[in-house]
C-alpha atoms as a PDB file:
ATOM      1  CA  MET A   1     194.575 -78.951  77.285  1.00  0.00           C
ATOM      2  CA  ALA A   2     195.707 -75.920  75.290  1.00  0.00           C
ATOM      3  CA  VAL A   3     192.897 -73.436  74.589  1.00  0.00           C
ATOM      4  CA  GLY A   4     193.024 -70.028  72.955  1.00  0.00           C
ATOM      5  CA  LYS A   5     190.949 -67.410  71.236  1.00  0.00           C
ATOM      6  CA  ASP A   6     191.558 -64.161  69.412  1.00  0.00           C
ATOM      7  CA  LYS A   7     189.325 -61.795  67.471  1.00  0.00           C
ATOM      8  CA  TYR A   8     188.805 -64.202  64.541  1.00  0.00           C
ATOM      9  CA  PHE A   9     189.630 -67.791  65.607  1.00  0.00           C
ATOM     10  CA  ALA A  10     189.300 -70.102  68.594  1.00  0.00           C
ATOM     11  CA  TRP A  11     191.438 -73.205  69.010  1.00  0.00           C
ATOM     12  CA  ASP A  12     192.005 -76.054  71.383  1.00  0.00           C
ATOM     13  CA  TYR A  13     194.379 -78.983  71.503  1.00  0.00           C
ATOM     14  CA  SER A  14     193.693 -81.959  73.766  1.00  0.00           C
ATOM     15  CA  GLU A  15     196.821 -83.934  74.504  1.00  0.00           C
ATOM     16  CA  LYS A  16     194.646 -86.737  75.933  1.00  0.00           C
ATOM     17  CA  SER A  17     192.626 -87.276  72.747  1.00  0.00           C
ATOM     18  CA  ASP A  18     195.353 -85.798  70.470  1.00  0.00           C
ATOM     19  CA  ILE A  19     192.841 -83.606  68.622  1.00  0.00           C
ATOM     20  CA  LEU A  20     193.377 -80.043  67.388  1.00  0.00           C
ATOM     21  CA  ASN A  21     190.330 -77.889  66.605  1.00  0.00           C
ATOM     22  CA  VAL A  22     190.502 -74.486  64.920  1.00  0.00           C
ATOM     23  CA  HIS A  23     187.242 -72.632  64.297  1.00  0.00           C
ATOM     24  CA  LYS A  24     186.163 -69.155  63.168  1.00  0.00           C
ATOM     25  CA  VAL A  25     184.671 -67.231  66.076  1.00  0.00           C
ATOM     26  CA  SER A  26     180.899 -66.643  65.846  1.00  0.00           C
ATOM     27  CA  LYS A  27     180.433 -68.942  62.839  1.00  0.00           C
ATOM     28  CA  LYS A  28     178.047 -71.890  62.987  1.00  0.00           C
ATOM     29  CA  THR A  29     178.786 -75.198  61.307  1.00  0.00           C
ATOM     30  CA  SER A  30     176.092 -76.398  58.905  1.00  0.00           C
ATOM     31  CA  GLY A  31     177.959 -79.323  57.386  1.00  0.00           C
ATOM     32  CA  SER A  32     181.305 -81.050  57.269  1.00  0.00           C
ATOM     33  CA  ALA A  33     183.513 -83.257  55.133  1.00  0.00           C
ATOM     34  CA  GLU A  34     185.794 -85.932  56.572  1.00  0.00           C
ATOM     35  CA  LEU A  35     189.099 -86.381  54.793  1.00  0.00           C
ATOM     36  CA  GLY A  36     190.939 -89.129  56.675  1.00  0.00           C
ATOM     37  CA  ASP A  37     192.096 -87.672  60.014  1.00  0.00           C
ATOM     38  CA  PHE A  38     190.782 -84.241  59.010  1.00  0.00           C
ATOM     39  CA  THR A  39     187.278 -82.841  59.263  1.00  0.00           C
ATOM     40  CA  VAL A  40     186.545 -79.557  57.488  1.00  0.00           C
ATOM     41  CA  ASP A  41     183.463 -77.686  58.726  1.00  0.00           C
ATOM     42  CA  PHE A  42     181.360 -75.419  56.502  1.00  0.00           C
ATOM     43  CA  ASP A  43     178.769 -72.732  57.151  1.00  0.00           C
ATOM     44  CA  LYS A  44     175.394 -72.659  55.363  1.00  0.00           C
ATOM     45  CA  ASN A  45     177.021 -70.897  52.364  1.00  0.00           C
ATOM     46  CA  GLY A  46     179.728 -73.540  51.932  1.00  0.00           C
ATOM     47  CA  ASN A  47     182.543 -71.430  53.437  1.00  0.00           C
ATOM     48  CA  VAL A  48     185.193 -73.179  55.535  1.00  0.00           C
ATOM     49  CA  VAL A  49     184.648 -72.247  59.196  1.00  0.00           C
ATOM     50  CA  GLY A  50     186.518 -74.962  61.091  1.00  0.00           C
ATOM     51  CA  ILE A  51     189.042 -77.762  60.991  1.00  0.00           C
ATOM     52  CA  GLU A  52     189.511 -80.736  63.293  1.00  0.00           C
ATOM     53  CA  ILE A  53     192.625 -82.904  63.143  1.00  0.00           C
ATOM     54  CA  VAL A  54     192.658 -86.240  64.979  1.00  0.00           C
ATOM     55  CA  ASN A  55     196.048 -87.843  65.665  1.00  0.00           C
ATOM     56  CA  ALA A  56     197.333 -84.277  65.488  1.00  0.00           C
ATOM     57  CA  SER A  57     200.749 -84.985  67.018  1.00  0.00           C
ATOM     58  CA  GLU A  58     201.444 -87.649  64.367  1.00  0.00           C
ATOM     59  CA  PHE A  59     200.503 -85.270  61.550  1.00  0.00           C
ATOM     60  CA  PHE A  60     202.455 -82.309  62.891  1.00  0.00           C
ATOM     61  CA  LYS A  61     205.498 -84.478  63.636  1.00  0.00           C
ATOM     62  CA  LEU A  62     205.848 -84.796  59.838  1.00  0.00           C
ATOM     63  CA  VAL A  63     206.441 -81.026  59.663  1.00  0.00           C
ATOM     64  CA  SER A  64     208.715 -80.883  62.742  1.00  0.00           C
ATOM     65  CA  ILE A  65     206.133 -79.664  65.247  1.00  0.00           C
ATOM     66  CA  ASP A  66     206.197 -81.672  68.465  1.00  0.00           C
ATOM     67  CA  LYS A  67     203.486 -82.374  71.033  1.00  0.00           C
ATOM     68  CA  GLU A  68     204.911 -79.846  73.511  1.00  0.00           C
ATOM     69  CA  GLN A  69     204.577 -77.107  70.890  1.00  0.00           C
ATOM     70  CA  LEU A  70     200.965 -78.155  70.209  1.00  0.00           C
ATOM     71  CA  GLU A  71     200.248 -77.904  73.928  1.00  0.00           C
ATOM     72  CA  ASN A  72     201.482 -74.286  73.835  1.00  0.00           C
ATOM     73  CA  ILE A  73     199.955 -72.834  70.652  1.00  0.00           C
ATOM     74  CA  LYS A  74     199.869 -69.030  70.869  1.00  0.00           C
ATOM     75  CA  GLU A  75     197.662 -68.413  67.820  1.00  0.00           C
ATOM     76  CA  ALA A  76     195.855 -70.496  65.208  1.00  0.00           C
ATOM     77  CA  GLU A  77     194.169 -69.520  61.960  1.00  0.00           C
ATOM     78  CA  ILE A  78     192.566 -71.149  58.937  1.00  0.00           C
ATOM     79  CA  ILE A  79     194.013 -69.875  55.664  1.00  0.00           C
ATOM     80  CA  LEU A  80     192.422 -70.523  52.285  1.00  0.00           C
ATOM     81  CA  GLN A  81     194.694 -70.230  49.258  1.00  0.00           C
ATOM     82  CA  LYS A  82     193.068 -69.915  45.837  1.00  0.00           C
ATOM     83  CA  ARG A  83     194.513 -72.439  43.356  1.00  0.00           C
ATOM     84  CA  GLY A  84     192.722 -72.022  40.041  1.00  0.00           C
ATOM     85  CA  GLU A  85     189.121 -73.036  40.640  1.00  0.00           C
ATOM     86  CA  TYR A  86     189.938 -74.683  43.986  1.00  0.00           C
ATOM     87  CA  MET A  87     190.822 -73.577  47.506  1.00  0.00           C
ATOM     88  CA  LEU A  88     193.726 -75.145  49.385  1.00  0.00           C
ATOM     89  CA  VAL A  89     192.972 -75.330  53.106  1.00  0.00           C
ATOM     90  CA  CYS A  90     195.886 -74.516  55.437  1.00  0.00           C
ATOM     91  CA  ILE A  91     196.376 -74.030  59.151  1.00  0.00           C
ATOM     92  CA  LYS A  92     198.640 -71.285  60.400  1.00  0.00           C
ATOM     93  CA  LEU A  93     200.067 -71.842  63.884  1.00  0.00           C
ATOM     94  CA  VAL A  94     202.093 -69.477  66.014  1.00  0.00           C
ATOM     95  CA  LEU A  95     204.132 -71.639  68.361  1.00  0.00           C
ATOM     96  CA  PRO A  96     206.355 -70.868  71.349  1.00  0.00           C
ATOM     97  CA  LYS A  97     209.208 -68.447  70.583  1.00  0.00           C
ATOM     98  CA  ASN A  98     206.857 -66.868  67.976  1.00  0.00           C
ATOM     99  CA  ILE A  99     207.608 -69.560  65.398  1.00  0.00           C
ATOM    100  CA  GLU A 100     205.027 -69.226  62.597  1.00  0.00           C
ATOM    101  CA  ARG A 101     204.117 -72.203  60.425  1.00  0.00           C
ATOM    102  CA  VAL A 102     201.564 -72.504  57.609  1.00  0.00           C
ATOM    103  CA  ILE A 103     200.707 -76.143  56.968  1.00  0.00           C
ATOM    104  CA  PRO A 104     198.455 -77.262  54.083  1.00  0.00           C
ATOM    105  CA  LEU A 105     196.083 -80.125  54.756  1.00  0.00           C
ATOM    106  CA  PRO A 106     197.360 -83.195  52.915  1.00  0.00           C
ATOM    107  CA  ALA A 107     194.046 -83.925  51.247  1.00  0.00           C
ATOM    108  CA  THR A 108     192.005 -83.064  48.213  1.00  0.00           C
ATOM    109  CA  VAL A 109     191.520 -79.337  47.881  1.00  0.00           C
ATOM    110  CA  VAL A 110     188.038 -78.036  48.559  1.00  0.00           C
ATOM    111  CA  ASN A 111     186.035 -76.343  45.808  1.00  0.00           C
ATOM    112  CA  GLU A 112     184.182 -73.198  46.928  1.00  0.00           C
ATOM    113  CA  ALA A 113     180.980 -74.416  45.266  1.00  0.00           C
ATOM    114  CA  MET A 114     181.204 -77.891  46.852  1.00  0.00           C
ATOM    115  CA  THR A 115     177.947 -79.274  48.179  1.00  0.00           C
ATOM    116  CA  VAL A 116     178.216 -79.993  51.878  1.00  0.00           C
ATOM    117  CA  THR A 117     176.529 -82.676  53.897  1.00  0.00           C
ATOM    118  CA  ALA A 118     174.288 -81.317  56.622  1.00  0.00           C
ATOM    119  CA  SER A 119     175.418 -82.339  60.086  1.00  0.00           C
ATOM    120  CA  ALA A 120     173.050 -83.961  62.528  1.00  0.00           C
END
């Protein structure tokens, strides 16, 4: 299992379950939205605070990132890019050999004012 943390984000990738989690440090999840293999977590104000990707190796293979690279992530970050009235959710990964990749989630963009479903 690959696990890491910096000042702003914590991440872990489990090769056994093939799940990548990236989450803002010290932020609690109040709700989430499932978008296929992606779960986007929100705080009580509707801000994106985490992302979970199941079948991560299959998704990242589409952008030429292999399982070995996922097992050795050096840094991970959630990036929100404003697109008109919407936010595009991306994951930035720093991989071995300091290769940096910013990958948008292939799903509907998330509106900042979106109502979130409270988690159990």
